[in-house]
Amino acid sequence: MNTLIRYEPFRGLRQELDRLFDTFTPDSSEDTPSVWMPRFDLSETDDAFVMRMDLPGLKPEDVEVTIQDDQLVVRGERSHRASEARENFHRVERSYGSFFRALSLPRNADRDHIEANVEDGVLTVAMPKTAESQPRHIEVGATRQLASTMNN
């Protein structure tokens, strides 16, 4: 009896890629917590920098915001609810576990007046600018007034 042998030139490469993806893709049946990285936007107004981070399902007590050196650090943890822990999942795509994000504080952010709150699953951190860095209105005068000031 002849056995048909299939030639698969990329079989070794496919096995290696499968192994690599298995390393970085957590198995949903594992009870080990994963690490996730919530996304954020950073915007700027005339008087402040504002960071908004999506943290669905988290309450203010689940989130810690600190300043370490020149960085704003946000950390916390999102865990399964007790009712979910008893369910037999067929697919898990939402991320759970601890998270940690750090961003460099803008040079002109007023560290002493930074405020943070969580509302509707969004963390908002307002970082006011220092008074020296905010725009200042300078009145424009007539040329004669400027010349007389310079001559004195």
C-alpha atoms as a PDB file:
ATOM      1  CA  MET A   1       0.000   0.000   0.000  1.00  0.00           C
ATOM      2  CA  ASN A   2       1.367   3.375  -1.002  1.00  0.00           C
ATOM      3  CA  THR A   3       1.099   6.244   1.443  1.00  0.00           C
ATOM      4  CA  LEU A   4       0.555   9.647  -0.043  1.00  0.00           C
ATOM      5  CA  ILE A   5       2.974  12.184   1.390  1.00  0.00           C
ATOM      6  CA  ARG A   6       1.874  15.780   1.108  1.00  0.00           C
ATOM      7  CA  TYR A   7       4.613  18.327   0.550  1.00  0.00           C
ATOM      8  CA  GLU A   8       4.084  21.336   2.868  1.00  0.00           C
ATOM      9  CA  PRO A   9       6.977  23.774   2.445  1.00  0.00           C
ATOM     10  CA  PHE A  10       5.731  26.171   5.150  1.00  0.00           C
ATOM     11  CA  ARG A  11       4.666  23.603   7.744  1.00  0.00           C
ATOM     12  CA  GLY A  12       7.539  24.412  10.124  1.00  0.00           C
ATOM     13  CA  LEU A  13       6.924  28.140   9.743  1.00  0.00           C
ATOM     14  CA  ARG A  14       3.198  27.701  10.430  1.00  0.00           C
ATOM     15  CA  GLN A  15       3.878  25.638  13.546  1.00  0.00           C
ATOM     16  CA  GLU A  16       6.303  28.272  14.793  1.00  0.00           C
ATOM     17  CA  LEU A  17       3.787  31.092  14.159  1.00  0.00           C
ATOM     18  CA  ASP A  18       1.038  29.112  15.934  1.00  0.00           C
ATOM     19  CA  ARG A  19       3.347  28.634  18.926  1.00  0.00           C
ATOM     20  CA  LEU A  20       4.229  32.336  18.926  1.00  0.00           C
ATOM     21  CA  PHE A  21       0.559  33.431  18.846  1.00  0.00           C
ATOM     22  CA  ASP A  22      -0.289  30.957  21.611  1.00  0.00           C
ATOM     23  CA  THR A  23       2.397  32.593  23.744  1.00  0.00           C
ATOM     24  CA  PHE A  24       0.849  36.073  23.438  1.00  0.00           C
ATOM     25  CA  THR A  25      -2.832  35.125  23.322  1.00  0.00           C
ATOM     26  CA  PRO A  26      -4.150  34.135  26.732  1.00  0.00           C
ATOM     27  CA  ASP A  27      -6.296  31.023  26.889  1.00  0.00           C
ATOM     28  CA  SER A  28      -9.772  31.985  28.071  1.00  0.00           C
ATOM     29  CA  SER A  29      -9.911  28.906  30.280  1.00  0.00           C
ATOM     30  CA  GLU A  30      -6.953  30.027  32.358  1.00  0.00           C
ATOM     31  CA  ASP A  31      -7.630  31.604  35.728  1.00  0.00           C
ATOM     32  CA  THR A  32      -4.485  33.727  35.559  1.00  0.00           C
ATOM     33  CA  PRO A  33      -5.172  37.453  35.293  1.00  0.00           C
ATOM     34  CA  SER A  34      -4.167  39.167  32.099  1.00  0.00           C
ATOM     35  CA  VAL A  35      -2.688  42.599  31.574  1.00  0.00           C
ATOM     36  CA  TRP A  36      -4.523  45.095  29.424  1.00  0.00           C
ATOM     37  CA  MET A  37      -3.731  48.567  28.212  1.00  0.00           C
ATOM     38  CA  PRO A  38      -6.680  50.968  28.079  1.00  0.00           C
ATOM     39  CA  ARG A  39      -6.471  53.596  25.352  1.00  0.00           C
ATOM     40  CA  PHE A  40      -6.444  57.330  26.009  1.00  0.00           C
ATOM     41  CA  ASP A  41      -6.642  60.663  24.208  1.00  0.00           C
ATOM     42  CA  LEU A  42      -4.626  63.719  25.203  1.00  0.00           C
ATOM     43  CA  SER A  43      -5.892  67.152  24.180  1.00  0.00           C
ATOM     44  CA  GLU A  44      -4.902  70.731  24.916  1.00  0.00           C
ATOM     45  CA  THR A  45      -6.855  73.927  25.472  1.00  0.00           C
ATOM     46  CA  ASP A  46      -5.542  77.428  26.177  1.00  0.00           C
ATOM     47  CA  ASP A  47      -5.441  76.745  29.905  1.00  0.00           C
ATOM     48  CA  ALA A  48      -5.113  72.966  30.376  1.00  0.00           C
ATOM     49  CA  PHE A  49      -4.144  69.535  29.070  1.00  0.00           C
ATOM     50  CA  VAL A  50      -6.890  66.917  29.275  1.00  0.00           C
ATOM     51  CA  MET A  51      -6.363  63.159  29.223  1.00  0.00           C
ATOM     52  CA  ARG A  52      -9.380  60.890  28.717  1.00  0.00           C
ATOM     53  CA  MET A  53      -9.013  57.128  29.163  1.00  0.00           C
ATOM     54  CA  ASP A  54     -11.616  54.455  28.472  1.00  0.00           C
ATOM     55  CA  LEU A  55     -12.155  52.357  31.599  1.00  0.00           C
ATOM     56  CA  PRO A  56     -15.513  50.644  31.067  1.00  0.00           C
ATOM     57  CA  GLY A  57     -17.030  49.111  34.169  1.00  0.00           C
ATOM     58  CA  LEU A  58     -14.580  50.703  36.612  1.00  0.00           C
ATOM     59  CA  LYS A  59     -15.488  52.899  39.570  1.00  0.00           C
ATOM     60  CA  PRO A  60     -13.298  55.670  41.022  1.00  0.00           C
ATOM     61  CA  GLU A  61     -12.058  53.331  43.786  1.00  0.00           C
ATOM     62  CA  ASP A  62     -10.764  50.900  41.098  1.00  0.00           C
ATOM     63  CA  VAL A  63      -8.365  53.501  39.678  1.00  0.00           C
ATOM     64  CA  GLU A  64      -5.202  55.075  41.074  1.00  0.00           C
ATOM     65  CA  VAL A  65      -3.680  58.226  39.564  1.00  0.00           C
ATOM     66  CA  THR A  66      -0.246  59.369  40.761  1.00  0.00           C
ATOM     67  CA  ILE A  67       2.630  61.565  39.715  1.00  0.00           C
ATOM     68  CA  GLN A  68       6.008  59.851  39.720  1.00  0.00           C
ATOM     69  CA  ASP A  69       8.990  61.927  38.647  1.00  0.00           C
ATOM     70  CA  ASP A  70       7.843  63.609  35.403  1.00  0.00           C
ATOM     71  CA  GLN A  71       5.079  61.135  34.634  1.00  0.00           C
ATOM     72  CA  LEU A  72       1.364  60.862  35.218  1.00  0.00           C
ATOM     73  CA  VAL A  73       0.713  57.219  36.128  1.00  0.00           C
ATOM     74  CA  VAL A  74      -2.686  55.531  35.959  1.00  0.00           C
ATOM     75  CA  ARG A  75      -3.112  52.009  37.300  1.00  0.00           C
ATOM     76  CA  GLY A  76      -5.882  49.747  38.421  1.00  0.00           C
ATOM     77  CA  GLU A  77      -7.573  46.438  37.837  1.00  0.00           C
ATOM     78  CA  ARG A  78     -10.721  45.188  36.161  1.00  0.00           C
ATOM     79  CA  SER A  79     -11.914  41.771  37.261  1.00  0.00           C
ATOM     80  CA  HIS A  80     -14.736  39.426  36.303  1.00  0.00           C
ATOM     81  CA  ARG A  81     -17.935  39.911  38.225  1.00  0.00           C
ATOM     82  CA  ALA A  82     -18.894  37.079  40.579  1.00  0.00           C
ATOM     83  CA  SER A  83     -21.807  36.127  38.301  1.00  0.00           C
ATOM     84  CA  GLU A  84     -19.457  35.904  35.302  1.00  0.00           C
ATOM     85  CA  ALA A  85     -17.000  33.703  37.178  1.00  0.00           C
ATOM     86  CA  ARG A  86     -19.597  30.907  37.304  1.00  0.00           C
ATOM     87  CA  GLU A  87     -20.346  31.053  33.565  1.00  0.00           C
ATOM     88  CA  ASN A  88     -18.836  28.673  31.041  1.00  0.00           C
ATOM     89  CA  PHE A  89     -17.403  31.041  28.422  1.00  0.00           C
ATOM     90  CA  HIS A  90     -17.021  29.990  24.795  1.00  0.00           C
ATOM     91  CA  ARG A  91     -15.168  33.137  23.799  1.00  0.00           C
ATOM     92  CA  VAL A  92     -13.504  35.919  25.802  1.00  0.00           C
ATOM     93  CA  GLU A  93     -12.462  39.097  23.998  1.00  0.00           C
ATOM     94  CA  ARG A  94     -12.846  41.701  26.735  1.00  0.00           C
ATOM     95  CA  SER A  95      -9.689  42.350  28.685  1.00  0.00           C
ATOM     96  CA  TYR A  96      -9.472  41.840  32.425  1.00  0.00           C
ATOM     97  CA  GLY A  97      -6.681  42.119  34.938  1.00  0.00           C
ATOM     98  CA  SER A  98      -4.374  44.903  35.991  1.00  0.00           C
ATOM     99  CA  PHE A  99      -3.461  47.845  33.843  1.00  0.00           C
ATOM    100  CA  PHE A 100      -0.749  50.463  33.967  1.00  0.00           C
ATOM    101  CA  ARG A 101      -0.336  53.519  31.761  1.00  0.00           C
ATOM    102  CA  ALA A 102       2.187  56.314  32.118  1.00  0.00           C
ATOM    103  CA  LEU A 103       2.572  59.488  30.120  1.00  0.00           C
ATOM    104  CA  SER A 104       5.113  62.234  30.382  1.00  0.00           C
ATOM    105  CA  LEU A 105       3.680  65.297  32.040  1.00  0.00           C
ATOM    106  CA  PRO A 106       3.744  68.337  29.798  1.00  0.00           C
ATOM    107  CA  ARG A 107       6.517  70.661  30.921  1.00  0.00           C
ATOM    108  CA  ASN A 108       4.103  73.483  31.706  1.00  0.00           C
ATOM    109  CA  ALA A 109       1.471  71.417  33.583  1.00  0.00           C
ATOM    110  CA  ASP A 110       0.667  72.671  37.083  1.00  0.00           C
ATOM    111  CA  ARG A 111       1.317  69.522  39.146  1.00  0.00           C
ATOM    112  CA  ASP A 112      -0.313  70.932  42.277  1.00  0.00           C
ATOM    113  CA  HIS A 113      -3.737  71.380  40.665  1.00  0.00           C
ATOM    114  CA  ILE A 114      -4.279  68.193  38.639  1.00  0.00           C
ATOM    115  CA  GLU A 115      -7.778  66.717  39.048  1.00  0.00           C
ATOM    116  CA  ALA A 116      -9.170  63.314  38.037  1.00  0.00           C
ATOM    117  CA  ASN A 117     -12.643  61.774  37.915  1.00  0.00           C
ATOM    118  CA  VAL A 118     -14.399  58.760  36.436  1.00  0.00           C
ATOM    119  CA  GLU A 119     -17.785  59.136  34.799  1.00  0.00           C
ATOM    120  CA  ASP A 120     -19.607  56.758  32.434  1.00  0.00           C
ATOM    121  CA  GLY A 121     -16.531  54.554  32.115  1.00  0.00           C
ATOM    122  CA  VAL A 122     -14.186  57.385  31.140  1.00  0.00           C
ATOM    123  CA  LEU A 123     -11.363  58.640  33.351  1.00  0.00           C
ATOM    124  CA  THR A 124     -10.748  62.360  32.800  1.00  0.00           C
ATOM    125  CA  VAL A 125      -7.562  63.935  34.136  1.00  0.00           C
ATOM    126  CA  ALA A 126      -7.370  67.738  33.863  1.00  0.00           C
ATOM    127  CA  MET A 127      -3.861  69.167  34.070  1.00  0.00           C
ATOM    128  CA  PRO A 128      -4.037  72.969  34.199  1.00  0.00           C
ATOM    129  CA  LYS A 129      -1.193  74.906  32.658  1.00  0.00           C
ATOM    130  CA  THR A 130       1.005  77.066  34.856  1.00  0.00           C
ATOM    131  CA  ALA A 131       0.091  80.753  34.895  1.00  0.00           C
ATOM    132  CA  GLU A 132       3.371  81.659  33.189  1.00  0.00           C
ATOM    133  CA  SER A 133       2.613  79.443  30.187  1.00  0.00           C
ATOM    134  CA  GLN A 134      -0.938  80.645  29.538  1.00  0.00           C
ATOM    135  CA  PRO A 135      -1.514  83.129  26.738  1.00  0.00           C
ATOM    136  CA  ARG A 136      -1.417  86.749  27.835  1.00  0.00           C
ATOM    137  CA  HIS A 137      -3.168  89.592  26.063  1.00  0.00           C
ATOM    138  CA  ILE A 138      -0.879  92.498  25.179  1.00  0.00           C
ATOM    139  CA  GLU A 139      -2.585  95.725  24.253  1.00  0.00           C
ATOM    140  CA  VAL A 140      -1.432  97.314  21.058  1.00  0.00           C
ATOM    141  CA  GLY A 141      -0.813 101.067  21.290  1.00  0.00           C
ATOM    142  CA  ALA A 142       0.004 103.854  18.846  1.00  0.00           C
ATOM    143  CA  THR A 143       3.536 104.241  17.469  1.00  0.00           C
ATOM    144  CA  ARG A 144       4.038 107.621  19.212  1.00  0.00           C
ATOM    145  CA  GLN A 145       3.358 106.072  22.638  1.00  0.00           C
ATOM    146  CA  LEU A 146       5.839 103.229  22.019  1.00  0.00           C
ATOM    147  CA  ALA A 147       8.545 105.633  20.802  1.00  0.00           C
ATOM    148  CA  SER A 148       8.155 107.937  23.804  1.00  0.00           C
ATOM    149  CA  THR A 149       8.391 104.931  26.159  1.00  0.00           C
ATOM    150  CA  MET A 150      11.593 103.745  24.488  1.00  0.00           C
ATOM    151  CA  ASN A 151      13.227 107.181  24.706  1.00  0.00           C
ATOM    152  CA  ASN A 152      12.669 107.474  28.463  1.00  0.00           C
END
